Amino acid sequence: MSTKAKRKEEYEGRIKQALVILNEVSNDNTTPRNIRRAAKSALDTLQVLDLSLGVRAANAISILDDISQDPNMPPYTRTKIWNIVSLIEAIKD
C-alpha cells in the first residue's frame, strides 16, 4: 500500500471519528439549538463527497471555530468540539 493510500485511509478514519462525535453533539438536547445546528452543518460538510478531504475538513473547522467561543455552550460540549477540531485539523490535501 502506498503512502498516499495509507494517508487517505487515516484521514477517512479521522473523519469517521469526527462524524460520530458530531452526531452526539447534534442530538444532545442539553446543548443549545444554535450549537446543535452548527454541529449538524459541520457533519453535513464532512459528508460532501464532491469535495476533497482537506477542503471538507477546512470547511468543518471553520463552522466549528465560529461556535466554539459561544458563551452558552456547555463545557463538555466545548471539549467535544475542540476534540473534533484537533482530530480533523491534520487532514491536508
Protein backbone atom coordinates (compact mmCIF):
# COMPACT_ATOMS: atom_id res chain seq x y z
CA MET A 1 0.00 0.00 0.00
CA SER A 2 1.41 3.37 -0.99
CA THR A 3 1.99 6.21 1.43
CA LYS A 4 -0.73 8.24 -0.26
CA ALA A 5 -3.27 5.44 0.18
CA LYS A 6 -2.31 4.98 3.84
CA ARG A 7 -2.67 8.71 4.48
CA LYS A 8 -6.09 8.79 2.78
CA GLU A 9 -7.21 5.82 4.88
CA GLU A 10 -6.01 7.57 8.06
CA TYR A 11 -7.82 10.78 7.09
CA GLU A 12 -11.04 8.89 6.39
CA GLY A 13 -10.75 7.25 9.81
CA ARG A 14 -10.37 10.66 11.43
CA ILE A 15 -13.44 11.93 9.61
CA LYS A 16 -15.45 8.90 10.74
CA GLN A 17 -14.45 9.58 14.36
CA ALA A 18 -15.41 13.23 13.97
CA LEU A 19 -18.76 12.26 12.46
CA VAL A 20 -19.59 10.08 15.48
CA ILE A 21 -18.82 12.90 17.92
CA LEU A 22 -20.66 15.50 15.82
CA ASN A 23 -23.67 13.22 15.73
CA GLU A 24 -23.61 13.04 19.53
CA VAL A 25 -23.45 16.84 19.81
CA SER A 26 -26.20 17.43 17.24
CA ASN A 27 -28.53 15.00 19.04
CA ASP A 28 -27.82 16.24 22.59
CA ASN A 29 -30.92 18.05 23.86
CA THR A 30 -28.96 19.72 26.68
CA THR A 31 -26.92 21.65 24.10
CA PRO A 32 -28.36 24.95 22.79
CA ARG A 33 -30.12 24.75 19.45
CA ASN A 34 -27.71 27.03 17.56
CA ILE A 35 -24.77 24.83 18.57
CA ARG A 36 -26.60 21.64 17.59
CA ARG A 37 -27.44 23.28 14.25
CA ALA A 38 -23.79 24.19 13.66
CA ALA A 39 -22.70 20.66 14.60
CA LYS A 40 -25.20 19.26 12.10
CA SER A 41 -23.90 21.67 9.48
CA ALA A 42 -20.30 20.56 10.13
CA LEU A 43 -21.45 16.93 9.98
CA ASP A 44 -23.09 17.55 6.61
CA THR A 45 -20.00 19.38 5.37
CA LEU A 46 -17.75 16.43 6.22
CA GLN A 47 -20.03 14.13 4.21
CA VAL A 48 -19.93 16.10 0.93
CA LEU A 49 -18.20 13.65 -1.40
CA ASP A 50 -17.76 16.19 -4.22
CA LEU A 51 -15.00 17.95 -2.23
CA SER A 52 -11.56 16.65 -1.28
CA LEU A 53 -10.88 15.51 2.28
CA GLY A 54 -8.81 18.60 3.04
CA VAL A 55 -11.49 21.01 1.83
CA ARG A 56 -14.21 19.21 3.79
CA ALA A 57 -12.07 19.30 6.94
CA ALA A 58 -11.25 23.00 6.49
CA ASN A 59 -14.91 23.91 5.96
CA ALA A 60 -15.98 21.93 9.04
CA ILE A 61 -13.24 23.54 11.15
CA SER A 62 -14.44 26.96 10.04
CA ILE A 63 -18.00 26.18 11.17
CA LEU A 64 -16.86 24.71 14.48
CA ASP A 65 -14.44 27.54 15.15
CA ASP A 66 -17.27 30.06 14.83
CA ILE A 67 -19.33 28.37 17.55
CA SER A 68 -16.52 27.26 19.85
CA GLN A 69 -16.50 30.66 21.60
CA ASP A 70 -20.23 30.74 22.27
CA PRO A 71 -20.71 31.57 25.98
CA ASN A 72 -23.88 29.46 26.13
CA MET A 73 -22.03 26.27 25.18
CA PRO A 74 -21.81 23.71 28.00
CA PRO A 75 -18.18 22.93 28.92
CA TYR A 76 -18.46 19.24 27.98
CA THR A 77 -19.75 20.19 24.53
CA ARG A 78 -16.92 22.69 24.06
CA THR A 79 -14.45 19.90 24.88
CA LYS A 80 -16.07 17.68 22.26
CA ILE A 81 -15.86 20.48 19.67
CA TRP A 82 -12.17 21.01 20.45
CA ASN A 83 -11.57 17.26 20.14
CA ILE A 84 -13.22 17.22 16.72
CA VAL A 85 -11.16 20.18 15.52
CA SER A 86 -7.92 18.59 16.73
CA LEU A 87 -8.89 15.33 15.02
CA ILE A 88 -9.54 16.86 11.61
CA GLU A 89 -7.08 19.76 11.54
CA ALA A 90 -4.30 17.34 10.50
CA ILE A 91 -6.18 16.50 7.29
CA LYS A 92 -4.47 18.07 4.28
CA ASP A 93 -4.74 17.58 0.52
